[in-house]
N, C-alpha and C. Protein backbone atom coordinates (compact mmCIF):
# COMPACT_ATOMS: atom_id res chain seq x y z
N MET A 1 15.62 18.39 1.80
CA MET A 1 14.97 18.03 2.62
C MET A 1 14.00 16.72 1.79
N ASN A 2 14.25 15.25 2.44
CA ASN A 2 13.39 14.41 1.84
C ASN A 2 11.92 14.76 1.71
N LYS A 3 10.64 14.19 0.37
CA LYS A 3 9.66 14.58 0.79
C LYS A 3 8.95 13.95 1.84
N PHE A 4 9.55 12.71 2.15
CA PHE A 4 8.86 12.14 3.54
C PHE A 4 8.98 12.56 5.24
N ASP A 5 10.18 13.71 5.08
CA ASP A 5 10.77 13.95 6.30
C ASP A 5 9.80 14.95 6.86
N ASN A 6 8.71 15.90 5.91
CA ASN A 6 7.45 16.68 6.79
C ASN A 6 6.84 15.35 7.63
N VAL A 7 5.63 14.69 6.83
CA VAL A 7 4.94 13.50 7.36
C VAL A 7 6.00 12.77 8.57
N LEU A 8 6.95 12.21 8.53
CA LEU A 8 7.86 11.63 9.54
C LEU A 8 7.74 12.24 11.03
N GLU A 9 8.15 13.27 10.83
CA GLU A 9 7.77 14.36 11.75
C GLU A 9 6.34 14.62 12.39
N GLN A 10 5.46 14.81 11.73
CA GLN A 10 4.43 14.78 11.98
C GLN A 10 3.79 13.64 12.82
N LEU A 11 4.40 12.40 12.23
CA LEU A 11 3.96 10.87 13.05
C LEU A 11 4.56 10.89 14.24
N ARG A 12 5.02 11.50 14.51
CA ARG A 12 6.17 11.15 15.92
C ARG A 12 6.03 12.12 16.38
N PRO A 13 4.99 12.65 17.16
CA PRO A 13 5.03 14.20 17.98
C PRO A 13 5.20 13.72 19.46
N ASP A 14 5.48 12.99 20.07
CA ASP A 14 5.92 12.34 21.41
C ASP A 14 6.74 11.57 21.47
N SER A 15 7.14 11.06 22.33
CA SER A 15 8.43 10.26 22.97
C SER A 15 7.76 9.04 23.03
N SER A 16 7.03 8.89 22.93
CA SER A 16 5.68 7.24 22.65
C SER A 16 5.72 6.58 21.65
N VAL A 17 6.18 7.55 20.66
CA VAL A 17 6.52 7.43 19.05
C VAL A 17 7.71 6.45 19.15
N SER A 18 7.78 4.94 19.16
CA SER A 18 9.22 4.56 19.04
C SER A 18 10.13 4.74 17.72
N TYR A 19 9.06 4.36 16.44
CA TYR A 19 9.27 4.20 14.82
C TYR A 19 8.64 4.16 13.96
N VAL A 20 8.63 4.94 13.20
CA VAL A 20 8.46 5.49 11.64
C VAL A 20 9.30 5.43 10.49
N ALA A 21 7.95 4.63 9.92
CA ALA A 21 9.34 4.43 8.83
C ALA A 21 8.52 4.81 7.06
N PHE A 22 8.67 4.66 6.25
CA PHE A 22 7.79 4.29 4.72
C PHE A 22 8.80 3.64 4.36
N VAL A 23 7.76 2.19 3.59
CA VAL A 23 8.49 1.05 3.49
C VAL A 23 7.58 0.91 1.92
N ASP A 24 9.01 0.50 0.98
CA ASP A 24 8.55 0.06 -0.28
C ASP A 24 8.72 -1.69 -0.32
N MET A 25 7.55 -2.23 -0.62
CA MET A 25 7.09 -3.74 -0.45
C MET A 25 7.92 -4.15 -1.21
N ASN A 26 8.12 -3.74 -3.01
CA ASN A 26 8.56 -4.13 -4.02
C ASN A 26 10.16 -4.57 -3.93
N SER A 27 10.85 -3.39 -3.32
CA SER A 27 12.32 -3.40 -3.01
C SER A 27 12.78 -4.06 -1.55
N GLY A 28 11.82 -3.66 -0.97
CA GLY A 28 11.77 -4.68 0.62
C GLY A 28 12.81 -3.59 1.58
N MET A 29 12.39 -2.07 1.07
CA MET A 29 13.59 -1.53 1.72
C MET A 29 13.03 -0.24 2.37
N LYS A 30 13.23 0.47 3.39
CA LYS A 30 12.52 1.90 3.94
C LYS A 30 13.39 2.92 2.96
N LEU A 31 12.32 3.66 2.70
CA LEU A 31 12.65 5.02 1.81
C LEU A 31 13.03 5.75 3.43
N ALA A 32 12.36 6.01 4.14
CA ALA A 32 13.16 7.14 4.81
C ALA A 32 12.53 6.74 6.48
N SER A 33 12.82 6.86 7.59
CA SER A 33 12.57 6.44 8.87
C SER A 33 13.11 7.63 9.62
N VAL A 34 12.31 7.56 10.80
CA VAL A 34 12.83 8.82 12.10
C VAL A 34 12.61 7.73 13.35
N GLY A 35 13.88 7.69 14.42
CA GLY A 35 13.61 6.66 15.34
C GLY A 35 14.71 5.53 15.31
N MET A 36 14.74 4.63 16.73
CA MET A 36 15.80 3.78 16.59
C MET A 36 15.28 2.33 17.32
N PRO A 37 14.66 1.50 16.23
CA PRO A 37 14.11 0.49 16.81
C PRO A 37 15.28 -0.53 17.34
N LYS A 38 15.25 -1.38 17.83
CA LYS A 38 15.95 -2.54 18.37
C LYS A 38 16.65 -3.01 16.89
N ASP A 39 16.11 -3.43 16.27
CA ASP A 39 16.47 -4.03 14.86
C ASP A 39 15.22 -3.75 13.59
N SER A 40 15.63 -2.38 13.06
CA SER A 40 14.78 -2.26 12.28
C SER A 40 14.82 -3.00 10.65
N ASP A 41 15.73 -3.53 10.55
CA ASP A 41 15.23 -4.95 9.37
C ASP A 41 14.31 -5.59 9.72
N ALA A 42 14.68 -6.36 10.65
CA ALA A 42 13.87 -7.33 11.01
C ALA A 42 12.60 -7.11 11.23
N LEU A 43 11.99 -5.07 11.63
CA LEU A 43 10.49 -5.08 11.76
C LEU A 43 10.11 -4.82 10.26
N ILE A 44 11.29 -4.14 8.95
CA ILE A 44 10.36 -3.99 7.82
C ILE A 44 10.61 -5.08 7.31
N ASP A 45 10.94 -6.34 7.69
CA ASP A 45 10.89 -7.46 6.64
C ASP A 45 9.93 -8.09 7.14
N CYS A 46 9.58 -8.43 8.82
CA CYS A 46 8.58 -8.91 8.92
C CYS A 46 6.82 -7.70 8.80
N SER A 47 6.85 -6.11 8.43
CA SER A 47 6.21 -6.10 8.06
C SER A 47 5.36 -5.71 6.68
N ILE A 48 6.78 -6.22 5.98
CA ILE A 48 6.35 -6.39 4.69
C ILE A 48 5.96 -7.42 4.43
N ARG A 49 6.03 -8.40 5.40
CA ARG A 49 5.24 -10.00 5.01
C ARG A 49 3.95 -9.92 5.19
N VAL A 50 3.61 -9.23 6.80
CA VAL A 50 2.51 -9.17 7.30
C VAL A 50 1.53 -8.14 6.44
N MET A 51 2.13 -7.34 5.31
CA MET A 51 1.43 -6.59 4.42
C MET A 51 0.73 -7.50 3.03
N ARG A 52 2.02 -7.95 2.92
CA ARG A 52 1.62 -8.98 1.25
C ARG A 52 1.00 -10.30 2.14
N ALA A 53 0.93 -10.72 2.98
CA ALA A 53 -0.12 -11.75 3.70
C ALA A 53 -1.09 -11.23 3.48
N GLU A 54 -1.90 -9.61 4.11
CA GLU A 54 -3.31 -9.45 4.29
C GLU A 54 -3.07 -9.09 2.74
N LEU A 55 -3.09 -8.70 1.74
CA LEU A 55 -3.23 -8.23 0.36
C LEU A 55 -3.57 -9.37 -0.90
N LYS A 56 -2.50 -10.24 -0.34
CA LYS A 56 -2.96 -12.09 -0.87
C LYS A 56 -4.73 -12.78 -0.34
N THR A 57 -4.68 -12.25 0.86
CA THR A 57 -5.97 -13.16 1.61
C THR A 57 -6.93 -12.36 0.93
N ILE A 58 -7.12 -11.02 0.76
CA ILE A 58 -8.03 -10.08 0.18
C ILE A 58 -7.90 -10.97 -0.88
N ASN A 59 -7.46 -10.48 -1.77
CA ASN A 59 -7.05 -11.19 -3.15
C ASN A 59 -7.91 -12.77 -2.89
N LEU A 60 -7.55 -13.53 -2.70
CA LEU A 60 -7.94 -14.84 -2.85
C LEU A 60 -9.46 -14.75 -2.17
N LEU A 61 -9.68 -13.83 -1.45
CA LEU A 61 -11.65 -14.26 -0.74
C LEU A 61 -12.63 -13.44 -2.05
N GLU A 62 -11.34 -12.50 -2.62
CA GLU A 62 -12.29 -11.87 -3.76
C GLU A 62 -12.83 -10.60 -3.34
N VAL A 63 -12.51 -10.30 -2.64
CA VAL A 63 -12.66 -8.75 -1.71
C VAL A 63 -12.66 -7.80 -2.80
N ASN A 64 -13.46 -6.89 -3.03
CA ASN A 64 -13.36 -6.18 -4.10
C ASN A 64 -13.04 -4.64 -3.57
N ASP A 65 -11.80 -4.60 -2.41
CA ASP A 65 -12.10 -3.66 -1.49
C ASP A 65 -10.40 -3.39 -1.56
N ASP A 66 -9.55 -1.96 -0.61
CA ASP A 66 -8.34 -1.74 -0.40
C ASP A 66 -8.20 -2.21 1.60
N VAL A 67 -6.92 -2.55 1.65
CA VAL A 67 -6.51 -2.62 2.84
C VAL A 67 -6.48 -1.08 3.38
N LEU A 68 -7.02 -0.42 4.69
CA LEU A 68 -6.90 0.64 4.91
C LEU A 68 -6.06 1.19 5.69
N ASP A 69 -5.55 -0.37 7.14
CA ASP A 69 -4.71 -0.07 7.80
C ASP A 69 -4.53 -2.04 8.71
N ILE A 70 -3.25 -1.97 8.90
CA ILE A 70 -3.38 -2.95 9.98
C ILE A 70 -2.71 -2.80 11.10
N LEU A 71 -3.55 -2.94 11.96
CA LEU A 71 -3.26 -2.76 13.28
C LEU A 71 -2.65 -4.23 14.42
N ILE A 72 -1.38 -4.18 14.73
CA ILE A 72 -0.89 -5.11 15.63
C ILE A 72 -0.82 -4.70 16.81
N THR A 73 -1.45 -5.52 17.60
CA THR A 73 -1.37 -5.23 19.08
C THR A 73 -0.49 -5.95 20.17
N THR A 74 0.37 -5.55 21.18
CA THR A 74 0.63 -6.30 22.04
C THR A 74 0.99 -5.65 23.21
N ASP A 75 1.23 -6.28 24.28
CA ASP A 75 1.18 -5.98 25.62
C ASP A 75 2.28 -4.31 25.87
N ASP A 76 3.22 -4.37 25.20
CA ASP A 76 4.21 -2.92 25.32
C ASP A 76 3.96 -2.15 24.49
N GLU A 77 3.01 -2.93 22.81
CA GLU A 77 3.35 -1.40 22.02
C GLU A 77 2.16 -1.52 20.83
N TYR A 78 2.30 -0.77 19.96
CA TYR A 78 1.43 -0.76 19.11
C TYR A 78 1.79 -0.56 18.00
N GLN A 79 1.62 -1.36 16.56
CA GLN A 79 2.30 -1.43 15.56
C GLN A 79 1.02 -1.24 14.57
N LEU A 80 1.31 0.00 13.82
CA LEU A 80 -0.30 0.11 12.51
C LEU A 80 1.07 0.52 11.41
N LEU A 81 0.67 -0.72 10.06
CA LEU A 81 0.51 -0.58 9.08
C LEU A 81 -0.32 0.09 7.80
N TYR A 82 -0.13 1.32 7.47
CA TYR A 82 -1.19 2.18 6.39
C TYR A 82 -0.47 2.16 5.28
N PRO A 83 -1.21 1.60 4.34
CA PRO A 83 -0.63 1.31 2.57
C PRO A 83 -1.02 3.29 2.78
N CYS A 84 0.00 3.77 1.43
CA CYS A 84 -0.14 5.26 1.02
C CYS A 84 -0.85 4.78 -0.02
N ARG A 85 -2.02 6.07 -0.14
CA ARG A 85 -2.86 6.17 -1.07
C ARG A 85 -2.04 6.91 -2.49
N GLY A 86 -2.41 6.55 -3.02
CA GLY A 86 -1.22 7.13 -4.39
C GLY A 86 -0.40 7.33 -4.62
N MET A 87 0.75 6.11 -3.91
CA MET A 87 1.66 5.87 -4.18
C MET A 87 1.99 3.93 -4.09
N LYS A 88 1.98 3.25 -5.01
CA LYS A 88 1.42 1.85 -5.15
C LYS A 88 2.68 0.80 -4.34
N ASP A 89 2.51 0.21 -3.70
CA ASP A 89 3.63 -0.64 -2.75
C ASP A 89 4.40 0.05 -2.00
N ILE A 90 3.86 1.28 -1.46
CA ILE A 90 4.85 2.00 -0.53
C ILE A 90 3.48 2.10 0.78
N PHE A 91 4.05 1.56 2.03
CA PHE A 91 2.98 1.68 3.14
C PHE A 91 4.13 2.32 4.56
N ILE A 92 3.26 3.00 5.10
CA ILE A 92 4.21 3.37 6.94
C ILE A 92 4.16 2.54 7.88
N TYR A 93 5.14 2.27 8.39
CA TYR A 93 5.23 1.31 9.39
C TYR A 93 5.34 2.25 10.64
N HIS A 94 4.25 2.13 11.63
CA HIS A 94 4.28 3.46 12.61
C HIS A 94 4.08 2.36 13.99
N CYS A 95 5.15 2.67 14.87
CA CYS A 95 5.33 1.91 15.84
C CYS A 95 5.22 3.20 17.34
N CYS A 96 4.54 2.67 18.37
CA CYS A 96 4.37 3.36 19.43
C CYS A 96 3.95 2.42 20.88
N GLU A 97 4.42 2.83 21.69
CA GLU A 97 4.13 2.25 23.11
C GLU A 97 2.61 2.33 23.32
N SER A 98 2.45 1.31 23.96
CA SER A 98 1.12 1.34 24.75
C SER A 98 0.77 1.48 25.58
C-alpha cells in the first residue's frame, strides 16, 4: 500500500469529492490519486502553474510566510491546493462539487 493511499481515502469521504491527488511540482507528475476527472493531466498542469505563481508572488512581495492553501471557486466546484508540510514541492489537489 502506497504511503499516500490512506490520506487519499480520508480526503474522499463521499461522492461530492470528484478528485484528490498528491502532486510533485518539480516533476510535474501526480504521485498518487483517487477519482476520475475529465482530464487529469490538464488539471495537474494548471494546478502546478497556479501554485508556482502564488509562490513567485509571495517571493516578489518579500512576504516572510508560507502558502497555507489556495482555494479556487467556480459555479460547479471547489478546488483546493494545499502544500504538504515537511514534503518540499509536494501539494494536495482536492476537487469537489459545490
